[in-house]
Amino acid sequence: MADVLVLVDHVDGAVRKPTLELLTLARRIGDPVAVALGTGAEATAGVLGEHGAVKVLTSDASEFADYLVVPKVDALQAAVEAVSPAAVLVVSSAEGKEIAARLALRIGSGIITDATDLEAGEQGPVATQAVFAASYTTKSRVSKGVPVITVKPNSAPVEPAAAAGAVEALTVSFGDSATGTKVVSRTPRESTGRPELTEAAIVVSGGRGVNGAENFPLIEALADSLGAAVGASRAAVDAGWYPHTSQVGQTGKSVSPQLYIASGISGAIQHRAGMQTSKTIVAINKDPEAPIFELVDYGVVGDLFTVVPQLTEEITARKG
């Protein structure tokens, strides 16, 4: 089978879950070859091999930490030239999509972003996407060059599959543009103890119906009982009730969890565009005519100030 490059998303050697999902998808269309860059790159080989990587190409050059995006594009281009892959898979984060777009332009290939599934096709990999604010589902393939595809987190299960995971050094020649944007400082993000919003299997979001920042602890308590991430609608964020980093929607983050609970969210198209690909959607809203009910798998017509605490209490009791 042809090789499939997978760009590894890791922090000092700790591989993040979306990369392991990419390895599952890569095995459907070829033999996964992981590309791990930066500090701790070689330390990723063990877990990558356990999840199907037949080979791990590594480079720990200082450029990956000191400069933004372009050094990783240089490295991926070098990997493409070395391997001649059937496809390149990247996690659909803001950085991942920029890397993918730059790579596709350099190697003269087509690109597909925000795929939610991937399958083998007679003329190359076929990607499933939710488009036009998730109003339609399409299947697409790249018709020119090596397909470059970014995949949304939670699009595939993490499936262990033992492989060699052989480590090979990747030789990278950095271009002049690699040092164009320098990182001058880093500040660790304050941890809430909750999962990363875009990677979480469960997301609990609050909207205009929460009626104030002082009431968001209700949403947080429900999320904590489920081990979930906390999201917010644009209305809640614009009102200053919750940080913009937690906004779900067309101008916020796009999520695709196994379970999405929308509390006090009307279901405007801006919000739906960011969560419509969730596997199971539950809405709590006192307005039975709210547009969100057209989308959900389960709907609760009721006051969130009554329903959410009762739901939290019941979940906590069952876990206890």
C-alpha atoms as a PDB file:
ATOM      1  CA  MET A   1       0.000   0.000   0.000  1.00  0.00           C
ATOM      2  CA  ALA A   2       1.051   3.599  -0.566  1.00  0.00           C
ATOM      3  CA  ASP A   3       2.303   5.689   2.324  1.00  0.00           C
ATOM      4  CA  VAL A   4       0.081   8.353   3.904  1.00  0.00           C
ATOM      5  CA  LEU A   5       1.772  11.223   5.742  1.00  0.00           C
ATOM      6  CA  VAL A   6       0.280  12.290   9.073  1.00  0.00           C
ATOM      7  CA  LEU A   7       1.500  15.507  10.704  1.00  0.00           C
ATOM      8  CA  VAL A   8       1.808  14.835  14.435  1.00  0.00           C
ATOM      9  CA  ASP A   9       0.234  17.301  16.859  1.00  0.00           C
ATOM     10  CA  HIS A  10       2.146  16.900  20.114  1.00  0.00           C
ATOM     11  CA  VAL A  11       3.402  18.868  23.100  1.00  0.00           C
ATOM     12  CA  ASP A  12       6.965  17.952  24.110  1.00  0.00           C
ATOM     13  CA  GLY A  13       6.442  14.370  22.967  1.00  0.00           C
ATOM     14  CA  ALA A  14       2.894  13.932  24.328  1.00  0.00           C
ATOM     15  CA  VAL A  15       0.738  13.092  21.289  1.00  0.00           C
ATOM     16  CA  ARG A  16      -2.686  14.705  21.235  1.00  0.00           C
ATOM     17  CA  LYS A  17      -5.774  12.604  20.561  1.00  0.00           C
ATOM     18  CA  PRO A  18      -6.684  14.068  17.120  1.00  0.00           C
ATOM     19  CA  THR A  19      -3.395  12.735  15.711  1.00  0.00           C
ATOM     20  CA  LEU A  20      -4.291   9.212  16.817  1.00  0.00           C
ATOM     21  CA  GLU A  21      -7.644   9.656  15.046  1.00  0.00           C
ATOM     22  CA  LEU A  22      -5.752  10.637  11.876  1.00  0.00           C
ATOM     23  CA  LEU A  23      -3.760   7.408  12.101  1.00  0.00           C
ATOM     24  CA  THR A  24      -7.035   5.446  12.163  1.00  0.00           C
ATOM     25  CA  LEU A  25      -8.192   7.240   9.005  1.00  0.00           C
ATOM     26  CA  ALA A  26      -4.795   6.927   7.331  1.00  0.00           C
ATOM     27  CA  ARG A  27      -4.907   3.135   7.650  1.00  0.00           C
ATOM     28  CA  ARG A  28      -8.045   3.106   5.500  1.00  0.00           C
ATOM     29  CA  ILE A  29      -6.144   4.469   2.524  1.00  0.00           C
ATOM     30  CA  GLY A  30      -2.550   3.324   3.019  1.00  0.00           C
ATOM     31  CA  ASP A  31       0.335   2.855   5.448  1.00  0.00           C
ATOM     32  CA  PRO A  32       0.606   5.736   7.953  1.00  0.00           C
ATOM     33  CA  VAL A  33       3.939   7.540   8.070  1.00  0.00           C
ATOM     34  CA  ALA A  34       3.998  10.062  10.917  1.00  0.00           C
ATOM     35  CA  VAL A  35       5.922  13.339  10.759  1.00  0.00           C
ATOM     36  CA  ALA A  36       6.884  14.527  14.256  1.00  0.00           C
ATOM     37  CA  LEU A  37       8.577  17.902  14.579  1.00  0.00           C
ATOM     38  CA  GLY A  38      10.103  19.905  17.412  1.00  0.00           C
ATOM     39  CA  THR A  39      11.112  19.147  20.993  1.00  0.00           C
ATOM     40  CA  GLY A  40      10.255  15.593  22.003  1.00  0.00           C
ATOM     41  CA  ALA A  41       9.683  14.418  18.422  1.00  0.00           C
ATOM     42  CA  GLU A  42      11.462  11.084  18.910  1.00  0.00           C
ATOM     43  CA  ALA A  43       9.518  10.438  22.127  1.00  0.00           C
ATOM     44  CA  THR A  44       6.294  10.229  20.104  1.00  0.00           C
ATOM     45  CA  ALA A  45       7.418   7.074  18.271  1.00  0.00           C
ATOM     46  CA  GLY A  46       6.161   4.608  20.877  1.00  0.00           C
ATOM     47  CA  VAL A  47       2.541   5.733  20.959  1.00  0.00           C
ATOM     48  CA  LEU A  48       2.491   6.404  17.206  1.00  0.00           C
ATOM     49  CA  GLY A  49       3.735   2.868  16.503  1.00  0.00           C
ATOM     50  CA  GLU A  50       1.064   1.473  18.822  1.00  0.00           C
ATOM     51  CA  HIS A  51      -1.570   3.237  16.698  1.00  0.00           C
ATOM     52  CA  GLY A  52      -0.422   2.152  13.255  1.00  0.00           C
ATOM     53  CA  ALA A  53       2.514   4.316  12.189  1.00  0.00           C
ATOM     54  CA  VAL A  54       4.874   2.134  10.187  1.00  0.00           C
ATOM     55  CA  LYS A  55       7.495   4.872  10.229  1.00  0.00           C
ATOM     56  CA  VAL A  56       8.073   8.096  12.177  1.00  0.00           C
ATOM     57  CA  LEU A  57      10.023  10.871  10.448  1.00  0.00           C
ATOM     58  CA  THR A  58      11.467  13.221  13.046  1.00  0.00           C
ATOM     59  CA  SER A  59      13.232  16.571  13.206  1.00  0.00           C
ATOM     60  CA  ASP A  60      13.847  18.579  16.370  1.00  0.00           C
ATOM     61  CA  ALA A  61      15.363  21.688  14.784  1.00  0.00           C
ATOM     62  CA  SER A  62      15.050  24.834  16.892  1.00  0.00           C
ATOM     63  CA  GLU A  63      13.192  26.591  14.063  1.00  0.00           C
ATOM     64  CA  PHE A  64       9.990  24.727  14.954  1.00  0.00           C
ATOM     65  CA  ALA A  65       9.881  26.390  18.374  1.00  0.00           C
ATOM     66  CA  ASP A  66      11.364  29.763  17.463  1.00  0.00           C
ATOM     67  CA  TYR A  67       9.262  30.577  14.392  1.00  0.00           C
ATOM     68  CA  LEU A  68       5.653  30.185  13.292  1.00  0.00           C
ATOM     69  CA  VAL A  69       4.108  27.783  10.751  1.00  0.00           C
ATOM     70  CA  VAL A  70       6.551  28.033   7.832  1.00  0.00           C
ATOM     71  CA  PRO A  71       9.257  25.723   9.281  1.00  0.00           C
ATOM     72  CA  LYS A  72       6.618  22.998   9.599  1.00  0.00           C
ATOM     73  CA  VAL A  73       5.596  23.586   5.983  1.00  0.00           C
ATOM     74  CA  ASP A  74       9.240  23.225   4.934  1.00  0.00           C
ATOM     75  CA  ALA A  75       9.435  19.939   6.855  1.00  0.00           C
ATOM     76  CA  LEU A  76       6.219  18.542   5.402  1.00  0.00           C
ATOM     77  CA  GLN A  77       7.362  19.473   1.913  1.00  0.00           C
ATOM     78  CA  ALA A  78      10.620  17.595   2.546  1.00  0.00           C
ATOM     79  CA  ALA A  79       8.602  14.594   3.763  1.00  0.00           C
ATOM     80  CA  VAL A  80       6.418  14.652   0.654  1.00  0.00           C
ATOM     81  CA  GLU A  81       9.491  14.695  -1.563  1.00  0.00           C
ATOM     82  CA  ALA A  82      11.068  11.843   0.401  1.00  0.00           C
ATOM     83  CA  VAL A  83       8.028   9.580   0.609  1.00  0.00           C
ATOM     84  CA  SER A  84       5.815  10.414  -2.429  1.00  0.00           C
ATOM     85  CA  PRO A  85       2.668   9.753  -0.363  1.00  0.00           C
ATOM     86  CA  ALA A  86      -0.864   8.975  -1.465  1.00  0.00           C
ATOM     87  CA  ALA A  87      -2.120  11.801   0.782  1.00  0.00           C
ATOM     88  CA  VAL A  88      -1.135  14.177   3.577  1.00  0.00           C
ATOM     89  CA  LEU A  89      -3.397  14.376   6.645  1.00  0.00           C
ATOM     90  CA  VAL A  90      -3.356  17.279   9.108  1.00  0.00           C
ATOM     91  CA  VAL A  91      -5.545  18.090  12.112  1.00  0.00           C
ATOM     92  CA  SER A  92      -8.125  20.803  11.351  1.00  0.00           C
ATOM     93  CA  SER A  93      -6.884  23.416  13.799  1.00  0.00           C
ATOM     94  CA  ALA A  94      -6.209  27.027  12.855  1.00  0.00           C
ATOM     95  CA  GLU A  95      -2.494  26.277  12.533  1.00  0.00           C
ATOM     96  CA  GLY A  96      -3.121  22.945  10.826  1.00  0.00           C
ATOM     97  CA  LYS A  97      -5.246  24.501   8.095  1.00  0.00           C
ATOM     98  CA  GLU A  98      -2.657  27.197   7.455  1.00  0.00           C
ATOM     99  CA  ILE A  99       0.099  24.594   7.184  1.00  0.00           C
ATOM    100  CA  ALA A 100      -2.037  22.477   4.845  1.00  0.00           C
ATOM    101  CA  ALA A 101      -2.912  25.422   2.597  1.00  0.00           C
ATOM    102  CA  ARG A 102       0.710  26.536   2.290  1.00  0.00           C
ATOM    103  CA  LEU A 103       1.830  22.974   1.565  1.00  0.00           C
ATOM    104  CA  ALA A 104      -0.813  22.432  -1.114  1.00  0.00           C
ATOM    105  CA  LEU A 105       0.229  25.658  -2.834  1.00  0.00           C
ATOM    106  CA  ARG A 106       3.905  24.695  -2.789  1.00  0.00           C
ATOM    107  CA  ILE A 107       3.455  21.195  -4.192  1.00  0.00           C
ATOM    108  CA  GLY A 108       0.745  22.197  -6.680  1.00  0.00           C
ATOM    109  CA  SER A 109      -1.961  20.058  -5.128  1.00  0.00           C
ATOM    110  CA  GLY A 110      -5.609  20.390  -4.249  1.00  0.00           C
ATOM    111  CA  ILE A 111      -6.750  20.695  -0.645  1.00  0.00           C
ATOM    112  CA  ILE A 112      -9.816  19.609   1.333  1.00  0.00           C
ATOM    113  CA  THR A 113     -10.437  21.179   4.744  1.00  0.00           C
ATOM    114  CA  ASP A 114     -12.577  20.187   7.727  1.00  0.00           C
ATOM    115  CA  ALA A 115     -13.238  16.636   6.555  1.00  0.00           C
ATOM    116  CA  THR A 116     -15.384  14.554   8.891  1.00  0.00           C
ATOM    117  CA  ASP A 117     -14.652  11.152   7.322  1.00  0.00           C
ATOM    118  CA  LEU A 118     -12.249   9.554   4.876  1.00  0.00           C
ATOM    119  CA  GLU A 119     -12.451   6.458   2.685  1.00  0.00           C
ATOM    120  CA  ALA A 120     -10.460   4.865  -0.095  1.00  0.00           C
ATOM    121  CA  GLY A 121     -11.580   5.529  -3.659  1.00  0.00           C
ATOM    122  CA  GLU A 122     -10.540   4.234  -7.059  1.00  0.00           C
ATOM    123  CA  GLN A 123      -9.025   7.624  -7.948  1.00  0.00           C
ATOM    124  CA  GLY A 124      -7.731   8.574  -4.517  1.00  0.00           C
ATOM    125  CA  PRO A 125      -9.076   9.258  -1.019  1.00  0.00           C
ATOM    126  CA  VAL A 126     -12.665  10.478  -0.761  1.00  0.00           C
ATOM    127  CA  ALA A 127     -13.421  12.942   2.026  1.00  0.00           C
ATOM    128  CA  THR A 128     -16.777  13.725   3.613  1.00  0.00           C
ATOM    129  CA  GLN A 129     -17.447  17.361   4.520  1.00  0.00           C
ATOM    130  CA  ALA A 130     -20.284  19.360   6.065  1.00  0.00           C
ATOM    131  CA  VAL A 131     -20.615  22.525   3.931  1.00  0.00           C
ATOM    132  CA  PHE A 132     -22.692  25.711   3.678  1.00  0.00           C
ATOM    133  CA  ALA A 133     -22.988  26.073   7.448  1.00  0.00           C
ATOM    134  CA  ALA A 134     -23.446  22.293   7.705  1.00  0.00           C
ATOM    135  CA  SER A 135     -26.618  22.414   5.613  1.00  0.00           C
ATOM    136  CA  TYR A 136     -25.224  19.841   3.177  1.00  0.00           C
ATOM    137  CA  THR A 137     -22.935  16.825   3.330  1.00  0.00           C
ATOM    138  CA  THR A 138     -20.596  16.360   0.380  1.00  0.00           C
ATOM    139  CA  LYS A 139     -18.073  13.766  -0.728  1.00  0.00           C
ATOM    140  CA  SER A 140     -15.027  15.153  -2.511  1.00  0.00           C
ATOM    141  CA  ARG A 141     -11.645  14.085  -3.792  1.00  0.00           C
ATOM    142  CA  VAL A 142      -8.586  15.999  -4.910  1.00  0.00           C
ATOM    143  CA  SER A 143      -8.086  15.722  -8.665  1.00  0.00           C
ATOM    144  CA  LYS A 144      -4.600  17.251  -8.914  1.00  0.00           C
ATOM    145  CA  GLY A 145      -1.397  16.329  -7.139  1.00  0.00           C
ATOM    146  CA  VAL A 146      -1.005  14.750  -3.701  1.00  0.00           C
ATOM    147  CA  PRO A 147      -4.254  15.260  -1.731  1.00  0.00           C
ATOM    148  CA  VAL A 148      -3.778  17.491   1.314  1.00  0.00           C
ATOM    149  CA  ILE A 149      -6.648  16.951   3.749  1.00  0.00           C
ATOM    150  CA  THR A 150      -7.380  18.480   7.134  1.00  0.00           C
ATOM    151  CA  VAL A 151      -9.682  16.463   9.401  1.00  0.00           C
ATOM    152  CA  LYS A 152     -11.841  17.753  12.247  1.00  0.00           C
ATOM    153  CA  PRO A 153     -11.173  16.267  15.697  1.00  0.00           C
ATOM    154  CA  ASN A 154     -13.586  13.525  16.822  1.00  0.00           C
ATOM    155  CA  SER A 155     -14.169  12.407  13.235  1.00  0.00           C
ATOM    156  CA  ALA A 156     -12.823   8.887  13.838  1.00  0.00           C
ATOM    157  CA  PRO A 157     -12.258   6.557  16.787  1.00  0.00           C
ATOM    158  CA  VAL A 158      -8.807   5.999  18.236  1.00  0.00           C
ATOM    159  CA  GLU A 159      -8.009   2.401  17.295  1.00  0.00           C
ATOM    160  CA  PRO A 160      -4.720   0.846  18.420  1.00  0.00           C
ATOM    161  CA  ALA A 161      -2.975  -1.171  15.698  1.00  0.00           C
ATOM    162  CA  ALA A 162       0.587  -2.251  16.390  1.00  0.00           C
ATOM    163  CA  ALA A 163       3.122  -1.285  13.723  1.00  0.00           C
ATOM    164  CA  ALA A 164       6.874  -0.848  13.513  1.00  0.00           C
ATOM    165  CA  GLY A 165       7.007   2.853  14.304  1.00  0.00           C
ATOM    166  CA  ALA A 166      10.583   2.916  13.027  1.00  0.00           C
ATOM    167  CA  VAL A 167      12.239   6.281  13.661  1.00  0.00           C
ATOM    168  CA  GLU A 168      14.047   7.990  10.794  1.00  0.00           C
ATOM    169  CA  ALA A 169      15.603  11.442  10.797  1.00  0.00           C
ATOM    170  CA  LEU A 170      14.021  13.878   8.349  1.00  0.00           C
ATOM    171  CA  THR A 171      16.422  16.219   6.612  1.00  0.00           C
ATOM    172  CA  VAL A 172      14.874  19.679   6.321  1.00  0.00           C
ATOM    173  CA  SER A 173      16.219  22.687   4.458  1.00  0.00           C
ATOM    174  CA  PHE A 174      14.576  25.847   5.737  1.00  0.00           C
ATOM    175  CA  GLY A 175      13.819  28.620   3.256  1.00  0.00           C
ATOM    176  CA  ASP A 176      14.266  32.355   3.818  1.00  0.00           C
ATOM    177  CA  SER A 177      10.596  32.773   4.764  1.00  0.00           C
ATOM    178  CA  ALA A 178      10.894  30.228   7.599  1.00  0.00           C
ATOM    179  CA  THR A 179      12.309  32.885   9.916  1.00  0.00           C
ATOM    180  CA  GLY A 180       9.897  35.628   8.894  1.00  0.00           C
ATOM    181  CA  THR A 181       7.726  35.466  12.009  1.00  0.00           C
ATOM    182  CA  LYS A 182       9.520  34.921  15.314  1.00  0.00           C
ATOM    183  CA  VAL A 183       7.970  33.786  18.582  1.00  0.00           C
ATOM    184  CA  VAL A 184       9.078  36.328  21.201  1.00  0.00           C
ATOM    185  CA  SER A 185       7.298  34.913  24.259  1.00  0.00           C
ATOM    186  CA  ARG A 186       4.986  32.159  25.440  1.00  0.00           C
ATOM    187  CA  THR A 187       2.509  32.167  28.305  1.00  0.00           C
ATOM    188  CA  PRO A 188       1.035  28.824  29.416  1.00  0.00           C
ATOM    189  CA  ARG A 189      -2.738  28.799  29.164  1.00  0.00           C
ATOM    190  CA  GLU A 190      -4.409  28.539  32.546  1.00  0.00           C
ATOM    191  CA  SER A 191      -5.823  25.048  32.905  1.00  0.00           C
ATOM    192  CA  THR A 192      -9.472  24.597  33.858  1.00  0.00           C
ATOM    193  CA  GLY A 193      -9.073  20.865  34.275  1.00  0.00           C
ATOM    194  CA  ARG A 194     -11.593  20.359  31.472  1.00  0.00           C
ATOM    195  CA  PRO A 195     -10.928  18.845  28.023  1.00  0.00           C
ATOM    196  CA  GLU A 196      -9.877  21.034  25.111  1.00  0.00           C
ATOM    197  CA  LEU A 197     -13.075  22.338  23.476  1.00  0.00           C
ATOM    198  CA  THR A 198     -12.349  21.180  19.925  1.00  0.00           C
ATOM    199  CA  GLU A 199     -11.170  17.731  21.077  1.00  0.00           C
ATOM    200  CA  ALA A 200     -13.749  16.951  23.768  1.00  0.00           C
ATOM    201  CA  ALA A 201     -16.050  13.951  23.411  1.00  0.00           C
ATOM    202  CA  ILE A 202     -18.783  15.879  25.246  1.00  0.00           C
ATOM    203  CA  VAL A 203     -19.480  19.627  25.065  1.00  0.00           C
ATOM    204  CA  VAL A 204     -21.981  21.577  27.171  1.00  0.00           C
ATOM    205  CA  SER A 205     -22.722  25.067  25.847  1.00  0.00           C
ATOM    206  CA  GLY A 206     -24.672  28.014  27.186  1.00  0.00           C
ATOM    207  CA  GLY A 207     -26.294  30.830  25.277  1.00  0.00           C
ATOM    208  CA  ARG A 208     -28.369  33.963  25.695  1.00  0.00           C
ATOM    209  CA  GLY A 209     -30.817  32.066  27.889  1.00  0.00           C
ATOM    210  CA  VAL A 210     -28.180  31.687  30.615  1.00  0.00           C
ATOM    211  CA  ASN A 211     -28.858  35.375  31.262  1.00  0.00           C
ATOM    212  CA  GLY A 212     -25.549  36.484  32.714  1.00  0.00           C
ATOM    213  CA  ALA A 213     -21.984  35.500  33.583  1.00  0.00           C
ATOM    214  CA  GLU A 214     -23.062  34.805  37.153  1.00  0.00           C
ATOM    215  CA  ASN A 215     -25.198  31.910  35.881  1.00  0.00           C
ATOM    216  CA  PHE A 216     -22.555  30.137  33.805  1.00  0.00           C
ATOM    217  CA  PRO A 217     -21.480  28.049  36.824  1.00  0.00           C
ATOM    218  CA  LEU A 218     -24.698  26.070  36.151  1.00  0.00           C
ATOM    219  CA  ILE A 219     -23.307  25.143  32.732  1.00  0.00           C
ATOM    220  CA  GLU A 220     -19.874  24.423  34.177  1.00  0.00           C
ATOM    221  CA  ALA A 221     -21.319  22.161  36.875  1.00  0.00           C
ATOM    222  CA  LEU A 222     -23.174  20.078  34.286  1.00  0.00           C
ATOM    223  CA  ALA A 223     -20.027  19.888  32.147  1.00  0.00           C
ATOM    224  CA  ASP A 224     -17.918  18.809  35.116  1.00  0.00           C
ATOM    225  CA  SER A 225     -20.386  16.063  36.020  1.00  0.00           C
ATOM    226  CA  LEU A 226     -19.964  14.669  32.500  1.00  0.00           C
ATOM    227  CA  GLY A 227     -16.232  15.299  32.137  1.00  0.00           C
ATOM    228  CA  ALA A 228     -17.098  17.708  29.336  1.00  0.00           C
ATOM    229  CA  ALA A 229     -15.761  20.916  27.841  1.00  0.00           C
ATOM    230  CA  VAL A 230     -17.702  24.167  28.187  1.00  0.00           C
ATOM    231  CA  GLY A 231     -18.785  26.165  25.149  1.00  0.00           C
ATOM    232  CA  ALA A 232     -20.753  29.355  24.603  1.00  0.00           C
ATOM    233  CA  SER A 233     -22.802  30.923  21.853  1.00  0.00           C
ATOM    234  CA  ARG A 234     -21.745  34.154  20.172  1.00  0.00           C
ATOM    235  CA  ALA A 235     -24.493  36.042  22.017  1.00  0.00           C
ATOM    236  CA  ALA A 236     -23.100  34.921  25.372  1.00  0.00           C
ATOM    237  CA  VAL A 237     -19.541  35.780  24.359  1.00  0.00           C
ATOM    238  CA  ASP A 238     -20.477  39.184  22.903  1.00  0.00           C
ATOM    239  CA  ALA A 239     -22.274  39.997  26.153  1.00  0.00           C
ATOM    240  CA  GLY A 240     -19.053  39.310  28.039  1.00  0.00           C
ATOM    241  CA  TRP A 241     -20.457  36.343  29.946  1.00  0.00           C
ATOM    242  CA  TYR A 242     -17.825  33.839  28.800  1.00  0.00           C
ATOM    243  CA  PRO A 243     -14.391  34.009  27.095  1.00  0.00           C
ATOM    244  CA  HIS A 244     -14.166  34.178  23.314  1.00  0.00           C
ATOM    245  CA  THR A 245     -11.886  31.133  23.368  1.00  0.00           C
ATOM    246  CA  SER A 246     -14.977  29.079  24.255  1.00  0.00           C
ATOM    247  CA  GLN A 247     -17.206  30.397  21.467  1.00  0.00           C
ATOM    248  CA  VAL A 248     -18.771  27.724  19.278  1.00  0.00           C
ATOM    249  CA  GLY A 249     -19.964  28.802  15.849  1.00  0.00           C
ATOM    250  CA  GLN A 250     -19.064  30.156  12.452  1.00  0.00           C
ATOM    251  CA  THR A 251     -16.867  32.905  13.909  1.00  0.00           C
ATOM    252  CA  GLY A 252     -15.720  30.762  16.836  1.00  0.00           C
ATOM    253  CA  LYS A 253     -14.605  27.161  17.114  1.00  0.00           C
ATOM    254  CA  SER A 254     -16.022  24.220  15.221  1.00  0.00           C
ATOM    255  CA  VAL A 255     -16.703  21.132  17.330  1.00  0.00           C
ATOM    256  CA  SER A 256     -17.807  17.619  16.506  1.00  0.00           C
ATOM    257  CA  PRO A 257     -18.213  15.747  19.810  1.00  0.00           C
ATOM    258  CA  GLN A 258     -20.044  12.519  20.512  1.00  0.00           C
ATOM    259  CA  LEU A 259     -22.537  14.511  22.622  1.00  0.00           C
ATOM    260  CA  TYR A 260     -23.405  18.225  22.422  1.00  0.00           C
ATOM    261  CA  ILE A 261     -25.758  19.797  24.969  1.00  0.00           C
ATOM    262  CA  ALA A 262     -27.074  23.261  24.077  1.00  0.00           C
ATOM    263  CA  SER A 263     -28.615  25.148  27.001  1.00  0.00           C
ATOM    264  CA  GLY A 264     -30.491  28.379  26.371  1.00  0.00           C
ATOM    265  CA  ILE A 265     -29.295  28.552  22.762  1.00  0.00           C
ATOM    266  CA  SER A 266     -31.880  29.441  20.105  1.00  0.00           C
ATOM    267  CA  GLY A 267     -30.049  27.713  17.259  1.00  0.00           C
ATOM    268  CA  ALA A 268     -29.172  30.537  14.873  1.00  0.00           C
ATOM    269  CA  ILE A 269     -27.315  29.434  11.747  1.00  0.00           C
ATOM    270  CA  GLN A 270     -24.094  31.041  13.054  1.00  0.00           C
ATOM    271  CA  HIS A 271     -24.055  28.653  16.010  1.00  0.00           C
ATOM    272  CA  ARG A 272     -25.307  25.619  14.089  1.00  0.00           C
ATOM    273  CA  ALA A 273     -22.404  25.937  11.668  1.00  0.00           C
ATOM    274  CA  GLY A 274     -19.994  25.215  14.507  1.00  0.00           C
ATOM    275  CA  MET A 275     -21.682  22.166  16.062  1.00  0.00           C
ATOM    276  CA  GLN A 276     -24.023  20.574  13.545  1.00  0.00           C
ATOM    277  CA  THR A 277     -21.696  17.642  12.879  1.00  0.00           C
ATOM    278  CA  SER A 278     -21.946  16.508  16.530  1.00  0.00           C
ATOM    279  CA  LYS A 279     -22.961  12.860  16.731  1.00  0.00           C
ATOM    280  CA  THR A 280     -25.798  13.375  19.276  1.00  0.00           C
ATOM    281  CA  ILE A 281     -27.340  16.771  20.025  1.00  0.00           C
ATOM    282  CA  VAL A 282     -29.492  17.627  23.047  1.00  0.00           C
ATOM    283  CA  ALA A 283     -31.163  21.029  23.500  1.00  0.00           C
ATOM    284  CA  ILE A 284     -32.690  22.616  26.598  1.00  0.00           C
ATOM    285  CA  ASN A 285     -34.830  25.646  25.815  1.00  0.00           C
ATOM    286  CA  LYS A 286     -38.077  27.045  27.209  1.00  0.00           C
ATOM    287  CA  ASP A 287     -39.228  28.172  23.746  1.00  0.00           C
ATOM    288  CA  PRO A 288     -40.784  25.183  21.932  1.00  0.00           C
ATOM    289  CA  GLU A 289     -40.448  27.079  18.630  1.00  0.00           C
ATOM    290  CA  ALA A 290     -36.683  27.631  18.955  1.00  0.00           C
ATOM    291  CA  PRO A 291     -34.876  26.703  15.708  1.00  0.00           C
ATOM    292  CA  ILE A 292     -32.462  24.482  17.653  1.00  0.00           C
ATOM    293  CA  PHE A 293     -35.229  21.876  18.034  1.00  0.00           C
ATOM    294  CA  GLU A 294     -35.191  21.301  14.251  1.00  0.00           C
ATOM    295  CA  LEU A 295     -31.667  19.971  14.575  1.00  0.00           C
ATOM    296  CA  VAL A 296     -31.572  17.955  17.783  1.00  0.00           C
ATOM    297  CA  ASP A 297     -31.785  14.264  18.541  1.00  0.00           C
ATOM    298  CA  TYR A 298     -33.366  14.997  21.916  1.00  0.00           C
ATOM    299  CA  GLY A 299     -35.083  18.190  23.030  1.00  0.00           C
ATOM    300  CA  VAL A 300     -36.157  19.353  26.481  1.00  0.00           C
ATOM    301  CA  VAL A 301     -38.720  22.164  26.551  1.00  0.00           C
ATOM    302  CA  GLY A 302     -38.183  23.776  29.914  1.00  0.00           C
ATOM    303  CA  ASP A 303     -36.423  26.429  31.963  1.00  0.00           C
ATOM    304  CA  LEU A 304     -32.691  25.678  32.009  1.00  0.00           C
ATOM    305  CA  PHE A 305     -32.497  27.031  35.570  1.00  0.00           C
ATOM    306  CA  THR A 306     -34.692  24.107  36.586  1.00  0.00           C
ATOM    307  CA  VAL A 307     -33.605  21.440  34.106  1.00  0.00           C
ATOM    308  CA  VAL A 308     -29.806  21.860  34.215  1.00  0.00           C
ATOM    309  CA  PRO A 309     -29.398  21.576  38.025  1.00  0.00           C
ATOM    310  CA  GLN A 310     -31.713  18.540  38.070  1.00  0.00           C
ATOM    311  CA  LEU A 311     -29.751  16.925  35.245  1.00  0.00           C
ATOM    312  CA  THR A 312     -26.461  17.629  37.017  1.00  0.00           C
ATOM    313  CA  GLU A 313     -27.806  16.176  40.261  1.00  0.00           C
ATOM    314  CA  GLU A 314     -29.056  13.035  38.531  1.00  0.00           C
ATOM    315  CA  ILE A 315     -25.779  12.458  36.692  1.00  0.00           C
ATOM    316  CA  THR A 316     -23.776  12.966  39.882  1.00  0.00           C
ATOM    317  CA  ALA A 317     -26.035  10.569  41.785  1.00  0.00           C
ATOM    318  CA  ARG A 318     -25.705   7.864  39.136  1.00  0.00           C
ATOM    319  CA  LYS A 319     -21.941   8.232  39.051  1.00  0.00           C
ATOM    320  CA  GLY A 320     -21.836   7.999  42.845  1.00  0.00           C
END
